[in-house]
Amino acid sequence: MKFLLVFDFDHTIIDENSDTWIVKCAPDRKLPNGLRNSYQPGHWTEYMGRVFVYLGDNGVKEDEMKRTMTTIPFTVGMIDLLGFIGKNKELFDCIIVSDSNTVFIDWILKAADFHDVFDEVFTNPATFSSSGYLTVQNFHTHHCAKCPKNLCKRKVLKEFLDKQLERGISYTQIVYIGDGGNDLCPVMFLKKNDIAMPRQGYTLEKRISQLAQDLRPVQCSVLVWSSASDIMSYLKLLLKE
C-alpha cells in the first residue's frame, strides 16, 4: 500500500508566486511597464527569461536573489504537513510538478530542510550563466492544447506513473494538491479512486466546480483545503484505513 502525493509549488507549498516574488530584487521593487506588458498568454517562461535579463542588467546577483527567495512564507500548516510526510516516507511517494524553476524550488526547500521529503521535482530547468545571469528553459514540449507551451502537468504525471510501473511500483491512490488553472489537466487524468485537493478560492477549485455545473464532473473525488492541516487530516485518515 503506497500513496502518491503530487504537489504544485506556488500558492500551494509556498503562499506566494515565486516568479513574482523575485521582483522584490528589482530597482524600486518593480519592473518597467514595457517589460511587464510583454507577457503573452501561454509564454510565461519566455517572459521570466526577460525578467531575469533585466535583473542581471541591473546588477542583481545570485546571493541577493537567494536571500529574497528564502523569505517567502510557506502556506499555513505546510511546514507541519511536510514534516508529517517526511516521517511516513515508507507510505508516501511525493513529487512536485510546478511552473516555477529548479533554482527557486531548490533554494526554498533546502533552506527549510524539506529537500528529502520529495522524490522528484518536475519544473523548468534554470541555471546561472557564466556572467551571473539566471536563465530558464521550458520543461518539455507537448501537444496539449489546454496547457501553457512549456509544461503539461498531465504529461509529466502520466510519464512518472509509467516509469514507476516499469519499476514495479503502483499506487493505491494519487492525491493531487494544487491551486491553479494548469492543475486542471492532470486532475482530469485522475481515476475514480484518486483525489484532487484544490485550494479554496483559487482557480482550480472554480474550474472543477464549473465542470460539475456543466455536468462534466471530474472522475476523482474532490476535497477542498484552505490550510495544509486539512490535507494532513485527510492523510492521517488514509493511514488509519
Protein backbone atom coordinates (compact mmCIF):
# COMPACT_ATOMS: atom_id res chain seq x y z
CA MET A 1 0.00 0.00 0.00
CA LYS A 2 1.63 3.19 -1.21
CA PHE A 3 0.22 6.63 -1.96
CA LEU A 4 1.48 9.21 -4.43
CA LEU A 5 1.25 12.84 -3.35
CA VAL A 6 1.56 15.35 -6.20
CA PHE A 7 2.12 18.96 -5.17
CA ASP A 8 2.04 22.17 -7.11
CA PHE A 9 4.51 24.72 -5.66
CA ASP A 10 3.41 28.37 -5.98
CA HIS A 11 0.35 29.22 -3.83
CA THR A 12 0.31 25.58 -2.67
CA ILE A 13 3.54 24.73 -0.83
CA ILE A 14 4.53 28.40 -0.58
CA ASP A 15 1.90 31.07 -0.06
CA GLU A 16 3.11 33.27 -2.91
CA ASN A 17 4.18 33.08 -6.56
CA SER A 18 7.97 32.61 -6.61
CA ASP A 19 8.25 34.22 -10.05
CA THR A 20 6.54 37.45 -8.98
CA TRP A 21 8.31 37.47 -5.58
CA ILE A 22 11.71 37.80 -7.29
CA VAL A 23 10.62 41.29 -8.47
CA LYS A 24 11.44 42.46 -4.91
CA CYS A 25 15.09 42.36 -6.12
CA ALA A 26 14.40 44.83 -8.95
CA PRO A 27 15.20 48.54 -8.66
CA ASP A 28 12.31 50.13 -6.64
CA ARG A 29 10.92 46.57 -6.34
CA LYS A 30 9.09 46.88 -9.65
CA LEU A 31 9.50 46.15 -13.35
CA PRO A 32 9.31 48.75 -16.14
CA ASN A 33 5.89 48.85 -17.84
CA GLY A 34 7.27 47.72 -21.22
CA LEU A 35 8.67 44.56 -19.66
CA ARG A 36 5.56 43.93 -17.55
CA ASN A 37 3.31 44.27 -20.58
CA SER A 38 5.46 41.96 -22.73
CA TYR A 39 3.87 38.79 -21.32
CA GLN A 40 1.88 36.74 -23.85
CA PRO A 41 -0.57 34.08 -22.58
CA GLY A 42 0.98 30.60 -22.54
CA HIS A 43 4.53 32.01 -22.76
CA TRP A 44 5.33 32.69 -19.10
CA THR A 45 8.78 31.05 -19.19
CA GLU A 46 9.95 33.35 -22.01
CA TYR A 47 8.60 36.32 -20.07
CA MET A 48 10.52 35.27 -16.93
CA GLY A 49 13.65 34.92 -19.09
CA ARG A 50 13.31 38.63 -19.92
CA VAL A 51 12.74 39.47 -16.24
CA PHE A 52 15.96 37.65 -15.30
CA VAL A 53 17.89 39.54 -18.01
CA TYR A 54 16.56 42.82 -16.57
CA LEU A 55 17.62 41.81 -13.04
CA GLY A 56 21.07 40.80 -14.33
CA ASP A 57 21.44 44.07 -16.26
CA ASN A 58 20.70 45.90 -13.01
CA GLY A 59 23.42 44.07 -11.11
CA VAL A 60 21.20 41.72 -9.11
CA LYS A 61 23.43 38.82 -8.06
CA GLU A 62 22.71 35.21 -7.14
CA ASP A 63 23.17 35.65 -3.37
CA GLU A 64 20.71 38.56 -3.26
CA MET A 65 18.15 36.52 -5.21
CA LYS A 66 18.63 33.58 -2.88
CA ARG A 67 18.21 35.73 0.24
CA THR A 68 14.99 37.17 -1.18
CA MET A 69 13.52 33.84 -2.25
CA THR A 70 14.11 32.14 1.10
CA THR A 71 11.91 34.76 2.83
CA ILE A 72 8.76 33.50 1.04
CA PRO A 73 6.30 32.19 3.64
CA PHE A 74 5.05 28.64 3.45
CA THR A 75 1.28 28.16 3.26
CA VAL A 76 -0.40 27.88 6.69
CA GLY A 77 0.17 24.40 8.14
CA MET A 78 2.52 23.35 5.31
CA ILE A 79 5.64 23.01 7.48
CA ASP A 80 3.80 20.56 9.77
CA LEU A 81 2.39 18.69 6.77
CA LEU A 82 5.78 18.24 5.10
CA GLY A 83 7.26 17.14 8.42
CA PHE A 84 4.49 14.54 8.74
CA ILE A 85 5.07 13.25 5.19
CA GLY A 86 8.82 13.09 5.87
CA LYS A 87 8.17 10.83 8.87
CA ASN A 88 5.96 8.50 6.80
CA LYS A 89 8.02 8.16 3.62
CA GLU A 90 7.54 4.39 3.54
CA LEU A 91 3.86 5.05 2.72
CA PHE A 92 4.10 8.22 0.65
CA ASP A 93 5.96 8.96 -2.56
CA CYS A 94 5.92 12.69 -3.07
CA ILE A 95 6.62 14.80 -6.17
CA ILE A 96 6.39 18.46 -7.16
CA VAL A 97 5.11 19.47 -10.60
CA SER A 98 5.48 23.22 -10.95
CA ASP A 99 5.75 26.06 -13.44
CA SER A 100 8.41 27.73 -11.25
CA ASN A 101 12.05 26.72 -11.83
CA THR A 102 14.69 24.38 -10.41
CA VAL A 103 16.80 27.13 -8.82
CA PHE A 104 13.95 28.75 -6.85
CA ILE A 105 12.44 25.48 -5.65
CA ASP A 106 15.85 24.11 -4.70
CA TRP A 107 16.73 27.20 -2.65
CA ILE A 108 13.41 27.24 -0.81
CA LEU A 109 13.27 23.52 0.00
CA LYS A 110 16.93 23.36 1.10
CA ALA A 111 16.65 26.46 3.31
CA ALA A 112 13.71 24.85 5.14
CA ASP A 113 15.33 21.39 5.12
CA PHE A 114 12.49 19.77 3.14
CA HIS A 115 14.54 18.53 0.20
CA ASP A 116 14.35 14.88 1.31
CA VAL A 117 10.54 14.89 1.55
CA PHE A 118 10.28 14.95 -2.26
CA ASP A 119 11.30 12.08 -4.51
CA GLU A 120 11.37 14.19 -7.66
CA VAL A 121 10.78 17.79 -8.72
CA PHE A 122 9.48 18.46 -12.24
CA THR A 123 9.86 22.12 -13.16
CA ASN A 124 11.51 24.44 -15.68
CA PRO A 125 15.32 23.96 -15.67
CA ALA A 126 17.19 27.09 -14.56
CA THR A 127 20.86 27.87 -14.13
CA PHE A 128 23.19 30.84 -13.69
CA SER A 129 25.23 31.73 -16.77
CA SER A 130 28.98 32.45 -16.63
CA SER A 131 28.10 36.17 -16.50
CA GLY A 132 25.91 35.59 -13.42
CA TYR A 133 22.51 35.90 -15.13
CA LEU A 134 19.74 33.45 -14.21
CA THR A 135 18.43 31.67 -17.32
CA VAL A 136 15.35 29.44 -17.57
CA GLN A 137 14.16 26.96 -20.19
CA ASN A 138 10.86 25.27 -20.98
CA PHE A 139 10.42 21.99 -19.11
CA HIS A 140 9.44 20.00 -22.22
CA THR A 141 7.47 20.09 -25.44
CA HIS A 142 3.96 18.65 -25.64
CA HIS A 143 0.84 18.63 -27.82
CA CYS A 144 -1.78 19.52 -25.21
CA ALA A 145 -3.92 22.45 -26.34
CA LYS A 146 -5.14 23.12 -22.77
CA CYS A 147 -1.72 23.79 -21.22
CA PRO A 148 0.94 26.51 -21.44
CA LYS A 149 3.59 25.85 -24.08
CA ASN A 150 6.34 24.88 -21.60
CA LEU A 151 4.54 22.43 -19.33
CA CYS A 152 1.66 19.95 -19.45
CA LYS A 153 1.33 18.57 -15.93
CA ARG A 154 -0.80 15.64 -17.13
CA LYS A 155 2.04 14.52 -19.41
CA VAL A 156 4.51 14.76 -16.51
CA LEU A 157 2.24 12.75 -14.21
CA LYS A 158 1.50 10.10 -16.82
CA GLU A 159 5.20 9.64 -17.68
CA PHE A 160 6.12 9.42 -13.99
CA LEU A 161 3.45 6.76 -13.34
CA ASP A 162 4.58 4.76 -16.41
CA LYS A 163 8.19 4.87 -15.22
CA GLN A 164 7.16 3.75 -11.72
CA LEU A 165 5.15 0.84 -13.17
CA GLU A 166 8.25 -0.31 -15.06
CA ARG A 167 9.99 -0.43 -11.67
CA GLY A 168 7.10 -2.45 -10.28
CA ILE A 169 5.61 0.41 -8.25
CA SER A 170 1.89 1.16 -8.44
CA TYR A 171 -0.15 3.37 -6.13
CA THR A 172 -3.24 2.67 -4.06
CA GLN A 173 -4.28 6.28 -4.58
CA ILE A 174 -2.98 9.51 -6.09
CA VAL A 175 -3.60 12.70 -4.11
CA TYR A 176 -3.17 15.84 -6.24
CA ILE A 177 -2.73 19.10 -4.31
CA GLY A 178 -2.80 22.35 -6.26
CA ASP A 179 -4.45 25.68 -6.89
CA GLY A 180 -4.03 26.89 -10.47
CA GLY A 181 -5.66 26.59 -13.86
CA ASN A 182 -2.74 24.49 -15.14
CA ASP A 183 -3.54 21.89 -12.44
CA LEU A 184 -6.88 21.04 -14.08
CA CYS A 185 -5.35 19.00 -16.92
CA PRO A 186 -3.67 16.46 -14.57
CA VAL A 187 -6.75 16.40 -12.30
CA MET A 188 -8.85 15.34 -15.30
CA PHE A 189 -6.43 12.44 -15.79
CA LEU A 190 -7.08 11.10 -12.25
CA LYS A 191 -9.23 7.98 -11.79
CA LYS A 192 -12.26 7.31 -9.59
CA ASN A 193 -10.21 6.14 -6.62
CA ASP A 194 -7.90 9.20 -6.69
CA ILE A 195 -8.46 12.53 -5.00
CA ALA A 196 -7.99 16.11 -6.13
CA MET A 197 -7.37 18.68 -3.41
CA PRO A 198 -7.86 22.17 -4.84
CA ARG A 199 -7.06 25.19 -2.66
CA GLN A 200 -10.18 27.03 -1.55
CA GLY A 201 -10.99 30.19 -3.51
CA TYR A 202 -8.34 29.60 -6.20
CA THR A 203 -8.70 28.92 -9.94
CA LEU A 204 -8.53 25.11 -9.75
CA GLU A 205 -11.45 24.90 -7.31
CA LYS A 206 -13.52 27.26 -9.51
CA ARG A 207 -12.75 25.27 -12.68
CA ILE A 208 -13.66 21.93 -11.05
CA SER A 209 -16.98 23.28 -9.78
CA GLN A 210 -17.71 24.82 -13.20
CA LEU A 211 -17.22 21.37 -14.79
CA ALA A 212 -19.66 19.88 -12.27
CA GLN A 213 -22.23 22.58 -13.12
CA ASP A 214 -21.76 21.78 -16.82
CA LEU A 215 -22.48 18.12 -15.95
CA ARG A 216 -18.93 17.15 -16.94
CA PRO A 217 -17.55 16.43 -13.47
CA VAL A 218 -14.04 15.11 -12.90
CA GLN A 219 -13.81 11.35 -12.26
CA CYS A 220 -11.87 11.58 -8.99
CA SER A 221 -13.13 12.68 -5.57
CA VAL A 222 -12.61 16.34 -4.68
CA LEU A 223 -11.69 17.66 -1.26
CA VAL A 224 -11.12 21.41 -0.90
CA TRP A 225 -8.44 22.68 1.51
CA SER A 226 -7.77 26.10 2.96
CA SER A 227 -4.87 25.21 5.27
CA ALA A 228 -2.36 22.37 4.94
CA SER A 229 -3.73 20.93 8.19
CA ASP A 230 -6.86 19.96 6.16
CA ILE A 231 -4.54 17.92 3.90
CA MET A 232 -2.81 16.38 6.90
CA SER A 233 -6.16 15.33 8.43
CA TYR A 234 -7.01 13.52 5.20
CA LEU A 235 -3.61 11.75 5.03
CA LYS A 236 -4.00 10.61 8.65
CA LEU A 237 -7.36 9.09 7.72
CA LEU A 238 -5.67 7.21 4.85
CA LEU A 239 -3.13 5.75 7.25
CA LYS A 240 -5.90 4.59 9.61
CA GLU A 241 -7.60 2.72 6.75
